[in-house]
Amino acid sequence: MSRKVLLDSNELNIILHRLACQLVERHTNFENTVLVGIQPRGVFLADRIQAILNKEYGLTDIKIGRLDITFYRDDFRRSDKPLEANKTKIDFIVEDKHVVFIDDVLYTGRSIRAALTAIQSFGRPKEIELLSLIDRRFSRHLPIQPDYNGRQVDAINEEKVKVSWKEYDGEDAVYLISK
């Protein structure tokens, strides 16, 4: 198994700040915008983006939620092992809001399709956008594209993209892992 560094800590930090800046350009004060991290690993990215928006732009009242899509996926019954759901925490109204889904890696698009279905349980958003740190653009099964994109990666199907977060994995980095 080989592991190639796609982004080191400094590059990841620059991309996170660029993504936060793009959100501010589009949503200004976030009065009608909410951020929703897709469980499990999109939550880590959402927390980082929120921290940058708070510290660098003084936006302290941003509503942020966590959305579990486990049982909304079209492939959840195809596994031999029992699935463990994560927690959904959306303690605000999404009705008529601009919702920004946040996920670390956009691969086939199936997670986002599941998130589109799951968010309907909380109301009908005015608009939904997608922010992804890594876009595996040639691996899409569904016509889903990010509105905000950290980096595009051309990886073949056997390769895996792994995002490591300092708070959870001990380092900030993005790797391309080959078997």
N, C-alpha and C. Protein backbone atom coordinates (compact mmCIF):
# COMPACT_ATOMS: atom_id res chain seq x y z
N MET A 1 0.85 -1.17 0.00
CA MET A 1 0.00 0.00 0.00
C MET A 1 0.90 1.24 0.00
N SER A 2 0.63 2.15 -0.92
CA SER A 2 1.42 3.38 -0.97
C SER A 2 0.53 4.57 -0.60
N ARG A 3 1.20 5.59 -0.09
CA ARG A 3 0.48 6.77 0.38
C ARG A 3 1.19 8.02 -0.14
N LYS A 4 0.47 8.84 -0.89
CA LYS A 4 1.02 10.06 -1.47
C LYS A 4 0.33 11.26 -0.83
N VAL A 5 1.10 12.24 -0.42
CA VAL A 5 0.53 13.46 0.17
C VAL A 5 -0.03 14.33 -0.94
N LEU A 6 -1.33 14.60 -0.87
CA LEU A 6 -1.96 15.52 -1.82
C LEU A 6 -1.93 16.94 -1.28
N LEU A 7 -2.17 17.10 0.02
CA LEU A 7 -2.14 18.40 0.67
C LEU A 7 -1.46 18.26 2.02
N ASP A 8 -0.50 19.12 2.29
CA ASP A 8 0.10 19.13 3.63
C ASP A 8 -0.67 20.14 4.49
N SER A 9 -0.23 20.32 5.70
CA SER A 9 -0.92 21.18 6.65
C SER A 9 -1.06 22.62 6.15
N ASN A 10 0.02 23.18 5.59
CA ASN A 10 -0.03 24.56 5.09
C ASN A 10 -0.98 24.71 3.91
N GLU A 11 -0.92 23.78 2.96
CA GLU A 11 -1.80 23.83 1.80
C GLU A 11 -3.27 23.68 2.22
N LEU A 12 -3.52 22.78 3.16
CA LEU A 12 -4.87 22.58 3.66
C LEU A 12 -5.39 23.85 4.32
N ASN A 13 -4.56 24.51 5.10
CA ASN A 13 -4.94 25.75 5.76
C ASN A 13 -5.29 26.85 4.75
N ILE A 14 -4.51 26.97 3.71
CA ILE A 14 -4.78 27.97 2.66
C ILE A 14 -6.13 27.69 2.00
N ILE A 15 -6.39 26.43 1.69
CA ILE A 15 -7.65 26.05 1.04
C ILE A 15 -8.84 26.32 1.97
N LEU A 16 -8.71 26.00 3.25
CA LEU A 16 -9.81 26.26 4.19
C LEU A 16 -10.13 27.75 4.26
N HIS A 17 -9.10 28.58 4.29
CA HIS A 17 -9.34 30.03 4.33
C HIS A 17 -9.97 30.53 3.02
N ARG A 18 -9.56 29.97 1.89
CA ARG A 18 -10.17 30.34 0.61
C ARG A 18 -11.65 29.95 0.57
N LEU A 19 -11.97 28.75 1.03
CA LEU A 19 -13.36 28.30 1.05
C LEU A 19 -14.21 29.19 1.96
N ALA A 20 -13.67 29.55 3.12
CA ALA A 20 -14.39 30.44 4.04
C ALA A 20 -14.63 31.80 3.38
N CYS A 21 -13.62 32.32 2.69
CA CYS A 21 -13.73 33.60 2.00
C CYS A 21 -14.81 33.54 0.92
N GLN A 22 -14.85 32.45 0.18
CA GLN A 22 -15.87 32.29 -0.87
C GLN A 22 -17.28 32.27 -0.26
N LEU A 23 -17.42 31.63 0.89
CA LEU A 23 -18.73 31.62 1.57
C LEU A 23 -19.13 33.03 1.98
N VAL A 24 -18.19 33.80 2.51
CA VAL A 24 -18.47 35.18 2.93
C VAL A 24 -18.86 36.03 1.72
N GLU A 25 -18.16 35.85 0.60
CA GLU A 25 -18.49 36.60 -0.61
C GLU A 25 -19.92 36.33 -1.06
N ARG A 26 -20.35 35.12 -0.92
CA ARG A 26 -21.69 34.74 -1.39
C ARG A 26 -22.79 35.02 -0.36
N HIS A 27 -22.49 34.82 0.93
CA HIS A 27 -23.54 34.89 1.96
C HIS A 27 -23.40 36.06 2.93
N THR A 28 -22.40 36.87 2.80
CA THR A 28 -22.13 38.08 3.59
C THR A 28 -22.23 37.85 5.10
N ASN A 29 -23.43 38.04 5.68
CA ASN A 29 -23.57 37.97 7.14
C ASN A 29 -24.20 36.66 7.62
N PHE A 30 -24.54 35.78 6.73
CA PHE A 30 -25.12 34.45 7.05
C PHE A 30 -26.46 34.55 7.78
N GLU A 31 -27.15 35.66 7.60
CA GLU A 31 -28.44 35.85 8.27
C GLU A 31 -29.45 34.78 7.87
N ASN A 32 -29.46 34.39 6.59
CA ASN A 32 -30.40 33.38 6.11
C ASN A 32 -29.68 32.12 5.61
N THR A 33 -28.47 31.92 6.08
CA THR A 33 -27.66 30.78 5.64
C THR A 33 -27.30 29.90 6.83
N VAL A 34 -27.38 28.59 6.62
CA VAL A 34 -26.98 27.63 7.65
C VAL A 34 -25.97 26.66 7.04
N LEU A 35 -25.05 26.20 7.85
CA LEU A 35 -24.04 25.22 7.43
C LEU A 35 -24.44 23.86 7.99
N VAL A 36 -24.36 22.83 7.17
CA VAL A 36 -24.71 21.48 7.60
C VAL A 36 -23.59 20.53 7.21
N GLY A 37 -22.87 20.04 8.22
CA GLY A 37 -21.82 19.05 7.99
C GLY A 37 -22.43 17.67 7.84
N ILE A 38 -21.98 16.95 6.84
CA ILE A 38 -22.50 15.60 6.60
C ILE A 38 -21.66 14.61 7.39
N GLN A 39 -22.34 13.85 8.26
CA GLN A 39 -21.67 12.87 9.11
C GLN A 39 -21.06 11.75 8.27
N PRO A 40 -19.94 11.21 8.65
CA PRO A 40 -19.19 11.58 9.84
C PRO A 40 -18.13 12.65 9.59
N ARG A 41 -17.39 12.60 8.48
CA ARG A 41 -16.18 13.41 8.34
C ARG A 41 -16.43 14.82 7.83
N GLY A 42 -17.58 15.08 7.24
CA GLY A 42 -17.90 16.44 6.81
C GLY A 42 -18.08 17.38 7.99
N VAL A 43 -18.39 16.80 9.14
CA VAL A 43 -18.56 17.60 10.36
C VAL A 43 -17.23 18.24 10.77
N PHE A 44 -16.14 17.51 10.60
CA PHE A 44 -14.83 18.05 10.95
C PHE A 44 -14.51 19.28 10.10
N LEU A 45 -14.80 19.18 8.81
CA LEU A 45 -14.59 20.30 7.89
C LEU A 45 -15.51 21.47 8.24
N ALA A 46 -16.76 21.18 8.53
CA ALA A 46 -17.72 22.24 8.90
C ALA A 46 -17.26 22.99 10.15
N ASP A 47 -16.77 22.25 11.14
CA ASP A 47 -16.27 22.89 12.36
C ASP A 47 -15.09 23.82 12.06
N ARG A 48 -14.19 23.37 11.19
CA ARG A 48 -13.03 24.20 10.82
C ARG A 48 -13.47 25.47 10.09
N ILE A 49 -14.40 25.31 9.14
CA ILE A 49 -14.89 26.46 8.38
C ILE A 49 -15.57 27.45 9.33
N GLN A 50 -16.39 26.94 10.24
CA GLN A 50 -17.07 27.82 11.20
C GLN A 50 -16.05 28.57 12.06
N ALA A 51 -15.00 27.90 12.50
CA ALA A 51 -13.97 28.55 13.32
C ALA A 51 -13.28 29.67 12.56
N ILE A 52 -13.00 29.45 11.29
CA ILE A 52 -12.37 30.50 10.47
C ILE A 52 -13.32 31.67 10.28
N LEU A 53 -14.59 31.38 10.00
CA LEU A 53 -15.57 32.45 9.82
C LEU A 53 -15.72 33.27 11.10
N ASN A 54 -15.64 32.60 12.22
CA ASN A 54 -15.75 33.27 13.52
C ASN A 54 -14.52 34.13 13.79
N LYS A 55 -13.35 33.54 13.66
CA LYS A 55 -12.10 34.22 14.01
C LYS A 55 -11.70 35.30 13.00
N GLU A 56 -11.73 34.97 11.72
CA GLU A 56 -11.24 35.88 10.69
C GLU A 56 -12.25 36.93 10.24
N TYR A 57 -13.54 36.60 10.33
CA TYR A 57 -14.58 37.50 9.82
C TYR A 57 -15.55 37.99 10.90
N GLY A 58 -15.35 37.55 12.13
CA GLY A 58 -16.21 37.99 13.22
C GLY A 58 -17.65 37.52 13.12
N LEU A 59 -17.89 36.45 12.38
CA LEU A 59 -19.25 35.93 12.21
C LEU A 59 -19.50 34.88 13.30
N THR A 60 -20.11 35.32 14.39
CA THR A 60 -20.26 34.45 15.56
C THR A 60 -21.62 33.78 15.67
N ASP A 61 -22.59 34.21 14.89
CA ASP A 61 -23.94 33.67 15.02
C ASP A 61 -24.32 32.72 13.89
N ILE A 62 -23.34 32.07 13.30
CA ILE A 62 -23.62 31.15 12.20
C ILE A 62 -24.24 29.87 12.77
N LYS A 63 -25.36 29.49 12.18
CA LYS A 63 -26.00 28.24 12.59
C LYS A 63 -25.33 27.08 11.86
N ILE A 64 -24.95 26.07 12.64
CA ILE A 64 -24.27 24.91 12.07
C ILE A 64 -24.93 23.64 12.61
N GLY A 65 -25.12 22.69 11.71
CA GLY A 65 -25.74 21.43 12.10
C GLY A 65 -24.94 20.25 11.60
N ARG A 66 -25.39 19.06 12.03
CA ARG A 66 -24.78 17.79 11.63
C ARG A 66 -25.90 16.90 11.12
N LEU A 67 -25.67 16.32 9.95
CA LEU A 67 -26.70 15.51 9.32
C LEU A 67 -26.20 14.09 9.09
N ASP A 68 -26.90 13.12 9.69
CA ASP A 68 -26.56 11.72 9.47
C ASP A 68 -27.38 11.21 8.28
N ILE A 69 -26.72 10.60 7.33
CA ILE A 69 -27.39 10.12 6.11
C ILE A 69 -27.40 8.60 6.01
N THR A 70 -26.96 7.92 7.07
CA THR A 70 -26.76 6.46 7.02
C THR A 70 -27.93 5.72 6.40
N PHE A 71 -29.13 5.96 6.87
CA PHE A 71 -30.28 5.17 6.42
C PHE A 71 -31.01 5.81 5.25
N TYR A 72 -30.45 6.88 4.70
CA TYR A 72 -30.99 7.50 3.49
C TYR A 72 -30.20 7.08 2.25
N ARG A 73 -29.07 6.41 2.46
CA ARG A 73 -28.24 5.97 1.33
C ARG A 73 -28.93 4.85 0.57
N ASP A 74 -28.73 4.79 -0.72
CA ASP A 74 -29.34 3.73 -1.52
C ASP A 74 -28.60 2.41 -1.40
N ASP A 75 -27.46 2.41 -0.72
CA ASP A 75 -26.68 1.17 -0.58
C ASP A 75 -26.56 0.71 0.87
N PHE A 76 -27.37 1.24 1.77
CA PHE A 76 -27.18 0.93 3.19
C PHE A 76 -27.50 -0.52 3.53
N ARG A 77 -28.27 -1.21 2.75
CA ARG A 77 -28.60 -2.61 3.02
C ARG A 77 -27.65 -3.58 2.34
N ARG A 78 -26.64 -3.09 1.67
CA ARG A 78 -25.74 -3.95 0.90
C ARG A 78 -24.52 -4.41 1.68
N SER A 79 -24.42 -4.06 2.92
CA SER A 79 -23.26 -4.41 3.73
C SER A 79 -23.58 -5.64 4.58
N ASP A 80 -22.56 -6.45 4.81
CA ASP A 80 -22.73 -7.64 5.65
C ASP A 80 -22.75 -7.28 7.13
N LYS A 81 -22.10 -6.19 7.49
CA LYS A 81 -22.05 -5.80 8.90
C LYS A 81 -23.15 -4.79 9.21
N PRO A 82 -23.65 -4.79 10.43
CA PRO A 82 -24.68 -3.82 10.80
C PRO A 82 -24.11 -2.41 10.78
N LEU A 83 -24.90 -1.48 10.28
CA LEU A 83 -24.47 -0.09 10.23
C LEU A 83 -24.72 0.60 11.56
N GLU A 84 -23.83 1.51 11.89
CA GLU A 84 -24.01 2.34 13.08
C GLU A 84 -24.27 3.76 12.64
N ALA A 85 -25.39 4.28 13.04
CA ALA A 85 -25.74 5.64 12.66
C ALA A 85 -24.98 6.65 13.51
N ASN A 86 -24.74 7.81 12.93
CA ASN A 86 -24.18 8.94 13.66
C ASN A 86 -25.34 9.80 14.14
N LYS A 87 -25.04 10.86 14.83
CA LYS A 87 -26.10 11.73 15.34
C LYS A 87 -26.39 12.86 14.37
N THR A 88 -27.67 13.12 14.21
CA THR A 88 -28.11 14.32 13.50
C THR A 88 -28.40 15.37 14.55
N LYS A 89 -27.87 16.55 14.34
CA LYS A 89 -28.15 17.67 15.25
C LYS A 89 -28.43 18.91 14.41
N ILE A 90 -29.68 19.17 14.17
CA ILE A 90 -30.10 20.38 13.47
C ILE A 90 -31.14 21.03 14.36
N ASP A 91 -30.71 22.01 15.14
CA ASP A 91 -31.60 22.66 16.10
C ASP A 91 -32.01 24.06 15.62
N PHE A 92 -32.30 24.14 14.33
CA PHE A 92 -32.77 25.38 13.72
C PHE A 92 -33.68 25.01 12.56
N ILE A 93 -34.41 25.98 12.09
CA ILE A 93 -35.33 25.77 10.97
C ILE A 93 -34.56 25.93 9.66
N VAL A 94 -34.76 25.00 8.73
CA VAL A 94 -34.14 25.13 7.41
C VAL A 94 -35.12 25.67 6.37
N GLU A 95 -36.37 25.78 6.74
CA GLU A 95 -37.40 26.29 5.84
C GLU A 95 -37.00 27.67 5.32
N ASP A 96 -36.96 27.81 3.99
CA ASP A 96 -36.61 29.07 3.31
C ASP A 96 -35.21 29.59 3.62
N LYS A 97 -34.32 28.73 4.08
CA LYS A 97 -32.93 29.12 4.35
C LYS A 97 -32.04 28.67 3.21
N HIS A 98 -30.88 29.30 3.11
CA HIS A 98 -29.82 28.85 2.22
C HIS A 98 -29.01 27.83 3.02
N VAL A 99 -29.02 26.59 2.57
CA VAL A 99 -28.31 25.52 3.25
C VAL A 99 -27.03 25.21 2.48
N VAL A 100 -25.92 25.16 3.19
CA VAL A 100 -24.65 24.77 2.59
C VAL A 100 -24.26 23.42 3.18
N PHE A 101 -24.35 22.36 2.37
CA PHE A 101 -23.86 21.06 2.78
C PHE A 101 -22.33 21.10 2.74
N ILE A 102 -21.70 20.50 3.74
CA ILE A 102 -20.25 20.45 3.81
C ILE A 102 -19.82 19.00 3.98
N ASP A 103 -18.95 18.55 3.06
CA ASP A 103 -18.43 17.19 3.14
C ASP A 103 -16.96 17.21 2.73
N ASP A 104 -16.19 16.27 3.28
CA ASP A 104 -14.75 16.29 3.03
C ASP A 104 -14.38 15.81 1.63
N VAL A 105 -14.98 14.71 1.17
CA VAL A 105 -14.65 14.16 -0.14
C VAL A 105 -15.93 13.91 -0.93
N LEU A 106 -16.01 14.49 -2.12
CA LEU A 106 -17.11 14.21 -3.03
C LEU A 106 -16.63 13.13 -3.98
N TYR A 107 -17.25 11.97 -3.90
CA TYR A 107 -16.81 10.81 -4.67
C TYR A 107 -17.88 10.46 -5.72
N THR A 108 -18.80 9.58 -5.38
CA THR A 108 -19.81 9.16 -6.35
C THR A 108 -21.01 10.11 -6.41
N GLY A 109 -21.22 10.87 -5.35
CA GLY A 109 -22.38 11.76 -5.27
C GLY A 109 -23.53 11.15 -4.50
N ARG A 110 -23.42 9.88 -4.14
CA ARG A 110 -24.51 9.19 -3.44
C ARG A 110 -24.76 9.75 -2.03
N SER A 111 -23.71 10.16 -1.35
CA SER A 111 -23.89 10.76 -0.02
C SER A 111 -24.67 12.06 -0.11
N ILE A 112 -24.39 12.84 -1.13
CA ILE A 112 -25.10 14.11 -1.29
C ILE A 112 -26.55 13.86 -1.68
N ARG A 113 -26.79 12.87 -2.53
CA ARG A 113 -28.18 12.53 -2.87
C ARG A 113 -28.94 12.13 -1.61
N ALA A 114 -28.30 11.36 -0.74
CA ALA A 114 -28.92 10.96 0.52
C ALA A 114 -29.16 12.17 1.41
N ALA A 115 -28.21 13.10 1.44
CA ALA A 115 -28.37 14.31 2.25
C ALA A 115 -29.53 15.17 1.75
N LEU A 116 -29.71 15.22 0.43
CA LEU A 116 -30.84 15.97 -0.14
C LEU A 116 -32.17 15.40 0.33
N THR A 117 -32.24 14.08 0.43
CA THR A 117 -33.45 13.43 0.93
C THR A 117 -33.61 13.66 2.43
N ALA A 118 -32.53 13.49 3.18
CA ALA A 118 -32.59 13.60 4.64
C ALA A 118 -32.97 15.01 5.11
N ILE A 119 -32.49 16.03 4.44
CA ILE A 119 -32.74 17.41 4.90
C ILE A 119 -34.22 17.77 4.78
N GLN A 120 -34.94 17.09 3.93
CA GLN A 120 -36.37 17.36 3.77
C GLN A 120 -37.15 17.12 5.05
N SER A 121 -36.62 16.29 5.95
CA SER A 121 -37.27 16.04 7.24
C SER A 121 -37.28 17.29 8.12
N PHE A 122 -36.47 18.27 7.77
CA PHE A 122 -36.33 19.48 8.59
C PHE A 122 -36.94 20.70 7.92
N GLY A 123 -37.58 20.53 6.78
CA GLY A 123 -38.21 21.64 6.07
C GLY A 123 -37.73 21.71 4.63
N ARG A 124 -38.19 22.75 3.96
CA ARG A 124 -37.84 22.93 2.55
C ARG A 124 -36.92 24.13 2.42
N PRO A 125 -35.63 23.90 2.20
CA PRO A 125 -34.70 25.01 2.05
C PRO A 125 -35.00 25.84 0.79
N LYS A 126 -34.64 27.10 0.86
CA LYS A 126 -34.78 27.96 -0.31
C LYS A 126 -33.77 27.56 -1.38
N GLU A 127 -32.56 27.20 -0.92
CA GLU A 127 -31.48 26.83 -1.83
C GLU A 127 -30.52 25.91 -1.09
N ILE A 128 -29.91 24.97 -1.82
CA ILE A 128 -28.91 24.10 -1.23
C ILE A 128 -27.65 24.19 -2.08
N GLU A 129 -26.52 24.41 -1.41
CA GLU A 129 -25.22 24.45 -2.06
C GLU A 129 -24.35 23.36 -1.46
N LEU A 130 -23.26 23.05 -2.14
CA LEU A 130 -22.35 22.02 -1.68
C LEU A 130 -20.93 22.55 -1.62
N LEU A 131 -20.29 22.38 -0.47
CA LEU A 131 -18.88 22.69 -0.29
C LEU A 131 -18.16 21.38 -0.02
N SER A 132 -17.15 21.09 -0.83
CA SER A 132 -16.35 19.89 -0.59
C SER A 132 -14.87 20.26 -0.60
N LEU A 133 -14.12 19.61 0.26
CA LEU A 133 -12.69 19.84 0.32
C LEU A 133 -12.00 19.20 -0.89
N ILE A 134 -12.36 17.96 -1.18
CA ILE A 134 -11.77 17.20 -2.29
C ILE A 134 -12.88 16.72 -3.22
N ASP A 135 -12.72 16.99 -4.51
CA ASP A 135 -13.67 16.55 -5.53
C ASP A 135 -12.98 15.50 -6.40
N ARG A 136 -13.43 14.25 -6.27
CA ARG A 136 -12.94 13.17 -7.15
C ARG A 136 -13.80 13.20 -8.41
N ARG A 137 -13.54 14.13 -9.26
CA ARG A 137 -14.44 14.50 -10.35
C ARG A 137 -14.72 13.40 -11.37
N PHE A 138 -13.84 12.45 -11.56
CA PHE A 138 -14.08 11.41 -12.57
C PHE A 138 -14.72 10.16 -11.99
N SER A 139 -15.17 10.22 -10.75
CA SER A 139 -15.75 9.05 -10.10
C SER A 139 -17.25 9.19 -9.85
N ARG A 140 -17.86 10.21 -10.42
CA ARG A 140 -19.25 10.51 -10.13
C ARG A 140 -20.21 9.50 -10.75
N HIS A 141 -21.20 9.09 -9.97
CA HIS A 141 -22.29 8.24 -10.46
C HIS A 141 -23.55 9.06 -10.71
N LEU A 142 -23.62 10.22 -10.08
CA LEU A 142 -24.79 11.09 -10.18
C LEU A 142 -24.36 12.48 -10.63
N PRO A 143 -25.24 13.24 -11.25
CA PRO A 143 -24.88 14.58 -11.75
C PRO A 143 -24.85 15.62 -10.62
N ILE A 144 -23.90 15.48 -9.73
CA ILE A 144 -23.76 16.37 -8.58
C ILE A 144 -22.37 16.99 -8.63
N GLN A 145 -22.32 18.32 -8.50
CA GLN A 145 -21.06 19.05 -8.54
C GLN A 145 -20.99 20.01 -7.36
N PRO A 146 -19.80 20.26 -6.82
CA PRO A 146 -19.69 21.20 -5.70
C PRO A 146 -19.78 22.65 -6.17
N ASP A 147 -20.39 23.49 -5.34
CA ASP A 147 -20.41 24.94 -5.58
C ASP A 147 -19.11 25.56 -5.10
N TYR A 148 -18.56 24.98 -4.04
CA TYR A 148 -17.28 25.43 -3.47
C TYR A 148 -16.39 24.21 -3.39
N ASN A 149 -15.19 24.32 -3.95
CA ASN A 149 -14.35 23.14 -4.06
C ASN A 149 -12.93 23.48 -3.65
N GLY A 150 -12.39 22.70 -2.73
CA GLY A 150 -11.02 22.92 -2.31
C GLY A 150 -10.02 22.50 -3.34
N ARG A 151 -10.15 21.26 -3.83
CA ARG A 151 -9.18 20.73 -4.80
C ARG A 151 -9.81 19.57 -5.56
N GLN A 152 -9.54 19.51 -6.84
CA GLN A 152 -9.98 18.37 -7.64
C GLN A 152 -8.86 17.35 -7.69
N VAL A 153 -9.24 16.10 -7.57
CA VAL A 153 -8.27 15.01 -7.59
C VAL A 153 -8.72 13.99 -8.63
N ASP A 154 -7.81 13.62 -9.48
CA ASP A 154 -8.08 12.59 -10.48
C ASP A 154 -7.54 11.28 -9.93
N ALA A 155 -8.42 10.50 -9.32
CA ALA A 155 -8.04 9.23 -8.72
C ALA A 155 -8.84 8.12 -9.38
N ILE A 156 -8.17 7.01 -9.62
CA ILE A 156 -8.89 5.87 -10.17
C ILE A 156 -9.64 5.17 -9.04
N ASN A 157 -10.59 4.32 -9.40
CA ASN A 157 -11.50 3.73 -8.41
C ASN A 157 -10.82 2.96 -7.29
N GLU A 158 -9.69 2.32 -7.55
CA GLU A 158 -9.02 1.55 -6.50
C GLU A 158 -8.29 2.45 -5.50
N GLU A 159 -8.08 3.70 -5.86
CA GLU A 159 -7.40 4.63 -4.97
C GLU A 159 -8.41 5.27 -4.03
N LYS A 160 -7.92 5.59 -2.85
CA LYS A 160 -8.77 6.19 -1.83
C LYS A 160 -8.17 7.53 -1.41
N VAL A 161 -9.03 8.51 -1.18
CA VAL A 161 -8.59 9.80 -0.65
C VAL A 161 -8.91 9.83 0.84
N LYS A 162 -7.91 10.10 1.64
CA LYS A 162 -8.06 10.13 3.10
C LYS A 162 -7.72 11.52 3.60
N VAL A 163 -8.68 12.17 4.26
CA VAL A 163 -8.47 13.48 4.87
C VAL A 163 -8.21 13.25 6.35
N SER A 164 -7.09 13.73 6.83
CA SER A 164 -6.73 13.63 8.25
C SER A 164 -6.86 15.00 8.90
N TRP A 165 -7.49 15.01 10.08
CA TRP A 165 -7.67 16.26 10.83
C TRP A 165 -6.88 16.17 12.13
N LYS A 166 -6.18 17.22 12.45
CA LYS A 166 -5.32 17.26 13.63
C LYS A 166 -6.07 16.87 14.89
N GLU A 167 -7.28 17.38 15.05
CA GLU A 167 -8.08 17.14 16.25
C GLU A 167 -8.46 15.67 16.43
N TYR A 168 -8.55 14.93 15.33
CA TYR A 168 -9.06 13.57 15.39
C TYR A 168 -8.04 12.53 14.96
N ASP A 169 -7.15 12.91 14.04
CA ASP A 169 -6.19 11.97 13.48
C ASP A 169 -4.74 12.31 13.81
N GLY A 170 -4.53 13.42 14.51
CA GLY A 170 -3.19 13.81 14.93
C GLY A 170 -2.42 14.67 13.95
N GLU A 171 -2.96 14.89 12.75
CA GLU A 171 -2.29 15.75 11.77
C GLU A 171 -3.31 16.28 10.77
N ASP A 172 -2.95 17.39 10.15
CA ASP A 172 -3.73 17.94 9.04
C ASP A 172 -3.04 17.54 7.74
N ALA A 173 -3.70 16.75 6.94
CA ALA A 173 -3.14 16.32 5.65
C ALA A 173 -4.22 15.61 4.83
N VAL A 174 -3.97 15.55 3.54
CA VAL A 174 -4.84 14.77 2.64
C VAL A 174 -3.92 13.83 1.87
N TYR A 175 -4.30 12.55 1.86
CA TYR A 175 -3.49 11.52 1.22
C TYR A 175 -4.27 10.82 0.11
N LEU A 176 -3.52 10.37 -0.89
CA LEU A 176 -4.04 9.46 -1.90
C LEU A 176 -3.43 8.11 -1.59
N ILE A 177 -4.29 7.13 -1.31
CA ILE A 177 -3.81 5.82 -0.89
C ILE A 177 -4.10 4.81 -2.00
N SER A 178 -3.04 4.11 -2.41
CA SER A 178 -3.16 3.09 -3.46
C SER A 178 -2.88 1.73 -2.86
N LYS A 179 -3.54 0.73 -3.37
CA LYS A 179 -3.34 -0.64 -2.87
C LYS A 179 -2.18 -1.30 -3.58
